[in-house]
C-alpha atoms as a PDB file:
ATOM      1  CA  MET A   1     -57.356  56.851  29.781  1.00  0.00           C
ATOM      2  CA  PHE A   2     -60.806  55.438  29.747  1.00  0.00           C
ATOM      3  CA  ILE A   3     -59.189  51.969  30.095  1.00  0.00           C
ATOM      4  CA  SER A   4     -56.732  53.286  32.912  1.00  0.00           C
ATOM      5  CA  LYS A   5     -60.025  54.565  34.773  1.00  0.00           C
ATOM      6  CA  ILE A   6     -61.770  51.164  34.091  1.00  0.00           C
ATOM      7  CA  ALA A   7     -58.683  49.359  35.474  1.00  0.00           C
ATOM      8  CA  GLU A   8     -58.863  51.323  38.456  1.00  0.00           C
ATOM      9  CA  GLU A   9     -62.138  50.868  39.223  1.00  0.00           C
ATOM     10  CA  THR A  10     -61.653  47.333  38.852  1.00  0.00           C
ATOM     11  CA  SER A  11     -58.845  47.375  41.176  1.00  0.00           C
ATOM     12  CA  CYS A  12     -60.945  49.300  43.769  1.00  0.00           C
ATOM     13  CA  VAL A  13     -63.813  46.563  43.454  1.00  0.00           C
ATOM     14  CA  SER A  14     -61.024  43.374  43.784  1.00  0.00           C
ATOM     15  CA  ASP A  15     -59.893  45.425  46.807  1.00  0.00           C
ATOM     16  CA  SER A  16     -63.143  45.671  48.459  1.00  0.00           C
ATOM     17  CA  MET A  17     -64.139  42.213  47.933  1.00  0.00           C
ATOM     18  CA  LYS A  18     -60.774  41.113  49.661  1.00  0.00           C
ATOM     19  CA  VAL A  19     -61.769  43.142  52.547  1.00  0.00           C
ATOM     20  CA  GLU A  20     -65.337  41.820  52.790  1.00  0.00           C
ATOM     21  CA  SER A  21     -64.038  38.109  52.187  1.00  0.00           C
ATOM     22  CA  TYR A  22     -61.433  38.813  55.013  1.00  0.00           C
ATOM     23  CA  MET A  23     -64.185  39.975  57.485  1.00  0.00           C
ATOM     24  CA  ILE A  24     -66.545  37.479  56.966  1.00  0.00           C
ATOM     25  CA  LYS A  25     -63.638  34.944  57.365  1.00  0.00           C
ATOM     26  CA  LYS A  26     -62.896  36.696  60.548  1.00  0.00           C
ATOM     27  CA  ILE A  27     -66.461  36.874  61.856  1.00  0.00           C
ATOM     28  CA  LEU A  28     -67.041  32.996  61.110  1.00  0.00           C
ATOM     29  CA  LEU A  29     -63.879  32.509  63.241  1.00  0.00           C
ATOM     30  CA  ILE A  30     -65.001  34.410  66.111  1.00  0.00           C
ATOM     31  CA  GLY A  31     -68.525  32.589  65.836  1.00  0.00           C
ATOM     32  CA  LEU A  32     -66.757  29.213  65.897  1.00  0.00           C
ATOM     33  CA  ALA A  33     -64.713  29.899  68.811  1.00  0.00           C
ATOM     34  CA  ILE A  34     -67.773  31.395  70.796  1.00  0.00           C
ATOM     35  CA  PHE A  35     -69.669  28.132  69.896  1.00  0.00           C
ATOM     36  CA  ILE A  36     -66.598  25.749  70.987  1.00  0.00           C
ATOM     37  CA  ALA A  37     -66.241  27.829  74.350  1.00  0.00           C
ATOM     38  CA  GLY A  38     -70.016  27.788  75.026  1.00  0.00           C
ATOM     39  CA  THR A  39     -70.289  23.909  74.116  1.00  0.00           C
ATOM     40  CA  CYS A  40     -67.509  23.222  76.651  1.00  0.00           C
ATOM     41  CA  LEU A  41     -69.002  25.315  79.404  1.00  0.00           C
ATOM     42  CA  LEU A  42     -72.345  23.807  79.047  1.00  0.00           C
ATOM     43  CA  PHE A  43     -70.800  20.385  79.384  1.00  0.00           C
ATOM     44  CA  ALA A  44     -68.977  21.345  82.273  1.00  0.00           C
ATOM     45  CA  LEU A  45     -71.914  22.540  83.979  1.00  0.00           C
ATOM     46  CA  THR A  46     -74.498  19.576  83.357  1.00  0.00           C
ATOM     47  CA  ILE A  47     -72.035  17.660  85.480  1.00  0.00           C
ATOM     48  CA  LYS A  48     -73.163  17.326  88.618  1.00  0.00           C
ATOM     49  CA  THR A  49     -70.792  16.219  90.875  1.00  0.00           C
ATOM     50  CA  PRO A  50     -69.274  17.025  94.543  1.00  0.00           C
ATOM     51  CA  ILE A  51     -66.075  18.624  94.370  1.00  0.00           C
ATOM     52  CA  PRO A  52     -63.479  16.681  96.943  1.00  0.00           C
ATOM     53  CA  PRO A  53     -61.559  18.753  99.224  1.00  0.00           C
ATOM     54  CA  ASP A  54     -57.914  19.107  98.877  1.00  0.00           C
ATOM     55  CA  ILE A  55     -57.428  18.020  95.092  1.00  0.00           C
ATOM     56  CA  ASN A  56     -53.803  18.236  94.125  1.00  0.00           C
ATOM     57  CA  ILE A  57     -52.824  17.531  90.531  1.00  0.00           C
ATOM     58  CA  PHE A  58     -49.084  17.360  90.555  1.00  0.00           C
ATOM     59  CA  ALA A  59     -47.035  17.367  87.284  1.00  0.00           C
ATOM     60  CA  PRO A  60     -45.837  14.075  85.836  1.00  0.00           C
ATOM     61  CA  ASP A  61     -42.254  13.202  85.587  1.00  0.00           C
ATOM     62  CA  PRO A  62     -41.049  14.376  82.187  1.00  0.00           C
ATOM     63  CA  SER A  63     -39.257  11.182  81.804  1.00  0.00           C
ATOM     64  CA  LEU A  64     -42.592   8.713  81.901  1.00  0.00           C
ATOM     65  CA  PRO A  65     -44.063   7.913  78.438  1.00  0.00           C
ATOM     66  CA  ASP A  66     -46.227  10.439  76.936  1.00  0.00           C
ATOM     67  CA  GLU A  67     -49.182   8.423  76.921  1.00  0.00           C
ATOM     68  CA  VAL A  68     -48.670   7.866  80.813  1.00  0.00           C
ATOM     69  CA  GLN A  69     -48.165  11.258  81.620  1.00  0.00           C
ATOM     70  CA  ALA A  70     -51.609  12.493  79.616  1.00  0.00           C
ATOM     71  CA  LEU A  71     -53.286  10.284  82.267  1.00  0.00           C
ATOM     72  CA  SER A  72     -52.789  13.302  84.707  1.00  0.00           C
ATOM     73  CA  GLY A  73     -55.427  15.907  85.324  1.00  0.00           C
ATOM     74  CA  LYS A  74     -59.149  16.208  85.736  1.00  0.00           C
ATOM     75  CA  TRP A  75     -61.557  14.349  83.280  1.00  0.00           C
ATOM     76  CA  VAL A  76     -65.156  14.648  82.973  1.00  0.00           C
ATOM     77  CA  GLY A  77     -67.944  12.712  81.687  1.00  0.00           C
ATOM     78  CA  GLN A  78     -71.112  10.682  81.806  1.00  0.00           C
ATOM     79  CA  TRP A  79     -71.699   6.933  81.644  1.00  0.00           C
ATOM     80  CA  ASP A  80     -74.091   5.555  79.162  1.00  0.00           C
ATOM     81  CA  SER A  81     -76.378   4.237  81.793  1.00  0.00           C
ATOM     82  CA  LYS A  82     -80.084   4.069  81.372  1.00  0.00           C
ATOM     83  CA  TRP A  83     -80.526   7.107  84.048  1.00  0.00           C
ATOM     84  CA  GLY A  84     -77.405   8.748  83.456  1.00  0.00           C
ATOM     85  CA  TRP A  85     -74.568   8.804  85.605  1.00  0.00           C
ATOM     86  CA  ASP A  86     -71.861  11.791  85.921  1.00  0.00           C
ATOM     87  CA  CYS A  87     -68.584  11.103  86.510  1.00  0.00           C
ATOM     88  CA  VAL A  88     -65.408  13.138  87.217  1.00  0.00           C
ATOM     89  CA  ILE A  89     -61.834  11.679  87.569  1.00  0.00           C
ATOM     90  CA  TYR A  90     -59.108  13.576  88.938  1.00  0.00           C
ATOM     91  CA  VAL A  91     -55.630  11.674  88.705  1.00  0.00           C
ATOM     92  CA  GLU A  92     -53.779  13.602  90.909  1.00  0.00           C
ATOM     93  CA  LYS A  93     -50.371  11.540  90.889  1.00  0.00           C
ATOM     94  CA  VAL A  94     -49.028   9.242  88.291  1.00  0.00           C
ATOM     95  CA  ASP A  95     -45.854   7.191  87.622  1.00  0.00           C
ATOM     96  CA  LYS A  96     -44.972   4.283  85.452  1.00  0.00           C
ATOM     97  CA  ASP A  97     -47.237   1.862  87.371  1.00  0.00           C
ATOM     98  CA  SER A  98     -49.415   3.356  89.600  1.00  0.00           C
ATOM     99  CA  ALA A  99     -51.870   6.354  90.361  1.00  0.00           C
ATOM    100  CA  GLN A 100     -53.640   8.197  92.755  1.00  0.00           C
ATOM    101  CA  VAL A 101     -56.905   8.977  91.771  1.00  0.00           C
ATOM    102  CA  THR A 102     -60.117  10.717  93.109  1.00  0.00           C
ATOM    103  CA  HIS A 103     -63.233   9.444  91.840  1.00  0.00           C
ATOM    104  CA  SER A 104     -66.177  11.886  92.280  1.00  0.00           C
ATOM    105  CA  TRP A 105     -69.696  10.849  90.951  1.00  0.00           C
ATOM    106  CA  GLY A 106     -73.278  12.322  90.716  1.00  0.00           C
ATOM    107  CA  GLY A 107     -76.423  10.478  91.804  1.00  0.00           C
ATOM    108  CA  TYR A 108     -77.393   7.432  89.963  1.00  0.00           C
ATOM    109  CA  THR A 109     -79.920   4.521  90.052  1.00  0.00           C
ATOM    110  CA  THR A 110     -79.185   0.959  89.308  1.00  0.00           C
ATOM    111  CA  SER A 111     -80.545  -0.089  86.133  1.00  0.00           C
ATOM    112  CA  LYS A 112     -83.695  -2.007  87.532  1.00  0.00           C
ATOM    113  CA  GLY A 113     -84.475   0.990  89.768  1.00  0.00           C
ATOM    114  CA  SER A 114     -83.880  -0.807  93.017  1.00  0.00           C
ATOM    115  CA  CYS A 115     -81.447   1.245  94.682  1.00  0.00           C
ATOM    116  CA  HIS A 116     -80.444   4.927  94.434  1.00  0.00           C
ATOM    117  CA  CYS A 117     -77.359   6.292  95.573  1.00  0.00           C
ATOM    118  CA  ASP A 118     -76.293   9.900  96.247  1.00  0.00           C
ATOM    119  CA  PRO A 119     -73.546  12.009  94.919  1.00  0.00           C
ATOM    120  CA  ASP A 120     -70.182  11.310  96.630  1.00  0.00           C
ATOM    121  CA  TRP A 121     -66.642  10.782  96.092  1.00  0.00           C
ATOM    122  CA  ARG A 122     -63.781   8.243  96.796  1.00  0.00           C
ATOM    123  CA  ARG A 123     -59.887   8.724  96.756  1.00  0.00           C
ATOM    124  CA  ILE A 124     -58.280   5.502  95.281  1.00  0.00           C
ATOM    125  CA  GLN A 125     -54.583   5.246  96.736  1.00  0.00           C
ATOM    126  CA  ARG A 126     -52.992   3.094  94.287  1.00  0.00           C
ATOM    127  CA  ALA A 127     -54.809   2.410  90.960  1.00  0.00           C
ATOM    128  CA  GLU A 128     -52.827   0.229  88.817  1.00  0.00           C
ATOM    129  CA  VAL A 129     -51.350   1.655  85.411  1.00  0.00           C
ATOM    130  CA  ASN A 130     -50.037  -0.280  82.628  1.00  0.00           C
ATOM    131  CA  TYR A 131     -49.096   1.133  79.019  1.00  0.00           C
ATOM    132  CA  SER A 132     -48.029  -0.488  75.722  1.00  0.00           C
ATOM    133  CA  GLU A 133     -48.374   0.576  71.733  1.00  0.00           C
ATOM    134  CA  GLY A 134     -49.518   4.191  72.220  1.00  0.00           C
ATOM    135  CA  LYS A 135     -52.016   3.755  75.283  1.00  0.00           C
ATOM    136  CA  ALA A 136     -52.172   3.844  78.663  1.00  0.00           C
ATOM    137  CA  THR A 137     -54.633   2.522  81.156  1.00  0.00           C
ATOM    138  CA  LEU A 138     -55.307   2.930  85.043  1.00  0.00           C
ATOM    139  CA  GLU A 139     -57.486   0.486  86.819  1.00  0.00           C
ATOM    140  CA  PHE A 140     -59.049   0.074  90.244  1.00  0.00           C
ATOM    141  CA  LEU A 141     -61.405  -1.920  92.333  1.00  0.00           C
ATOM    142  CA  VAL A 142     -63.201  -0.777  94.803  1.00  0.00           C
ATOM    143  CA  PRO A 143     -66.059  -1.960  97.203  1.00  0.00           C
ATOM    144  CA  PRO A 144     -69.645  -1.146  95.967  1.00  0.00           C
ATOM    145  CA  TYR A 145     -70.307   2.619  96.475  1.00  0.00           C
ATOM    146  CA  ARG A 146     -72.682   2.945  99.442  1.00  0.00           C
ATOM    147  CA  PRO A 147     -73.191   6.132 101.943  1.00  0.00           C
ATOM    148  CA  LEU A 148     -70.573   6.295 104.171  1.00  0.00           C
ATOM    149  CA  LYS A 149     -71.466   5.938 107.812  1.00  0.00           C
ATOM    150  CA  GLY A 150     -70.151   6.895 111.051  1.00  0.00           C
ATOM    151  CA  PRO A 151     -69.215  10.416 112.954  1.00  0.00           C
ATOM    152  CA  ASN A 152     -65.671  10.316 110.878  1.00  0.00           C
ATOM    153  CA  PRO A 153     -66.250   8.345 107.385  1.00  0.00           C
ATOM    154  CA  SER A 154     -63.289   8.009 105.288  1.00  0.00           C
ATOM    155  CA  HIS A 155     -63.336   8.658 101.801  1.00  0.00           C
ATOM    156  CA  MET A 156     -60.024   6.594 101.270  1.00  0.00           C
ATOM    157  CA  VAL A 157     -59.759   3.153  99.358  1.00  0.00           C
ATOM    158  CA  THR A 158     -56.882   1.492  98.520  1.00  0.00           C
ATOM    159  CA  GLY A 159     -57.670   0.545  94.867  1.00  0.00           C
ATOM    160  CA  SER A 160     -57.688  -3.281  95.381  1.00  0.00           C
ATOM    161  CA  VAL A 161     -60.499  -5.721  97.004  1.00  0.00           C
ATOM    162  CA  ASP A 162     -60.880  -9.072  98.383  1.00  0.00           C
ATOM    163  CA  PRO A 163     -62.071 -10.557  95.137  1.00  0.00           C
ATOM    164  CA  SER A 164     -64.356 -13.429  96.982  1.00  0.00           C
ATOM    165  CA  ARG A 165     -66.471 -10.310  97.916  1.00  0.00           C
ATOM    166  CA  PRO A 166     -68.817  -7.846  96.019  1.00  0.00           C
ATOM    167  CA  TYR A 167     -66.708  -5.260  93.995  1.00  0.00           C
ATOM    168  CA  TYR A 168     -66.747  -2.271  91.086  1.00  0.00           C
ATOM    169  CA  PHE A 169     -64.305  -2.596  88.384  1.00  0.00           C
ATOM    170  CA  PHE A 170     -62.984   0.714  86.670  1.00  0.00           C
ATOM    171  CA  SER A 171     -60.801   0.909  83.621  1.00  0.00           C
ATOM    172  CA  PHE A 172     -59.679   4.119  81.948  1.00  0.00           C
ATOM    173  CA  THR A 173     -57.436   4.475  78.717  1.00  0.00           C
ATOM    174  CA  VAL A 174     -55.743   7.199  76.847  1.00  0.00           C
ATOM    175  CA  GLU A 175     -54.200   6.836  73.610  1.00  0.00           C
ATOM    176  CA  LYS A 176     -51.056   8.855  72.854  1.00  0.00           C
ATOM    177  CA  LYS A 177     -52.704  10.303  69.599  1.00  0.00           C
ATOM    178  CA  LYS A 178     -55.798  11.433  71.433  1.00  0.00           C
ATOM    179  CA  PRO A 179     -54.283  12.697  74.767  1.00  0.00           C
ATOM    180  CA  ASP A 180     -57.506  14.825  75.569  1.00  0.00           C
ATOM    181  CA  ILE A 181     -59.875  11.714  75.308  1.00  0.00           C
ATOM    182  CA  MET A 182     -60.100   9.023  77.980  1.00  0.00           C
ATOM    183  CA  LYS A 183     -62.534   5.856  77.515  1.00  0.00           C
ATOM    184  CA  GLY A 184     -63.704   4.238  80.258  1.00  0.00           C
ATOM    185  CA  LEU A 185     -65.135   1.015  81.172  1.00  0.00           C
ATOM    186  CA  PHE A 186     -67.403   0.155  84.545  1.00  0.00           C
ATOM    187  CA  ILE A 187     -68.205  -3.303  85.618  1.00  0.00           C
ATOM    188  CA  SER A 188     -70.713  -3.531  88.731  1.00  0.00           C
ATOM    189  CA  ALA A 189     -70.695  -6.030  91.285  1.00  0.00           C
ATOM    190  CA  LYS A 190     -73.432  -8.052  89.190  1.00  0.00           C
ATOM    191  CA  ARG A 191     -71.160  -7.771  86.410  1.00  0.00           C
ATOM    192  CA  SER A 192     -73.272  -5.217  84.096  1.00  0.00           C
ATOM    193  CA  ARG A 193     -71.423  -2.840  81.941  1.00  0.00           C
ATOM    194  CA  LEU A 194     -71.215   0.787  81.436  1.00  0.00           C
ATOM    195  CA  TYR A 195     -69.018   2.600  79.306  1.00  0.00           C
ATOM    196  CA  ILE A 196     -68.050   6.348  79.016  1.00  0.00           C
ATOM    197  CA  SER A 197     -65.876   8.901  76.845  1.00  0.00           C
ATOM    198  CA  MET A 198     -64.516  11.490  78.996  1.00  0.00           C
ATOM    199  CA  LYS A 199     -62.847  14.946  78.177  1.00  0.00           C
ATOM    200  CA  LYS A 200     -59.876  16.527  80.145  1.00  0.00           C
ATOM    201  CA  MET A 201     -60.944  19.982  81.460  1.00  0.00           C
ATOM    202  CA  ASP A 202     -58.343  22.449  82.849  1.00  0.00           C
END
């Protein structure tokens, strides 16, 4: 009887420890979820770019390669420039060889501080899309970003330029194995380079 009582008490202690362990794990998981959500929200709030009107992101054709489909959506990040340069890319439409892209950016200053540009955006009518070996890349060329002038300025650009004139080059790549991360390259009119790692946002 004495042994039975000890066994009963041991069983109660064991059950109590299991419950306590379960509760600790549950609290840790909730805390981790709150931390991740808070980090994502903070990241989104620190990006200061204008919101272009009439953004429409169309679901890509399901017959397209997975890496091409992964380009579609809203991407957020900041270029690794000295002064910081917020960037949001909206890939609105995508097919196997082209995409319609809207590029919104925050205020930025050139590396030597000689020029400051205010936040603005451009809609690229036809960015080039290439894919191979588990990755897809979209690229476009635009005239250097300057303040738009005139009573009805157009934010539309074609995505290609006269190569004899100054231009900006943008390239963004998504890998099939990392569909929520997009790596970018920017080459300025003076051939300086910036890099970016962007996150897909809902």
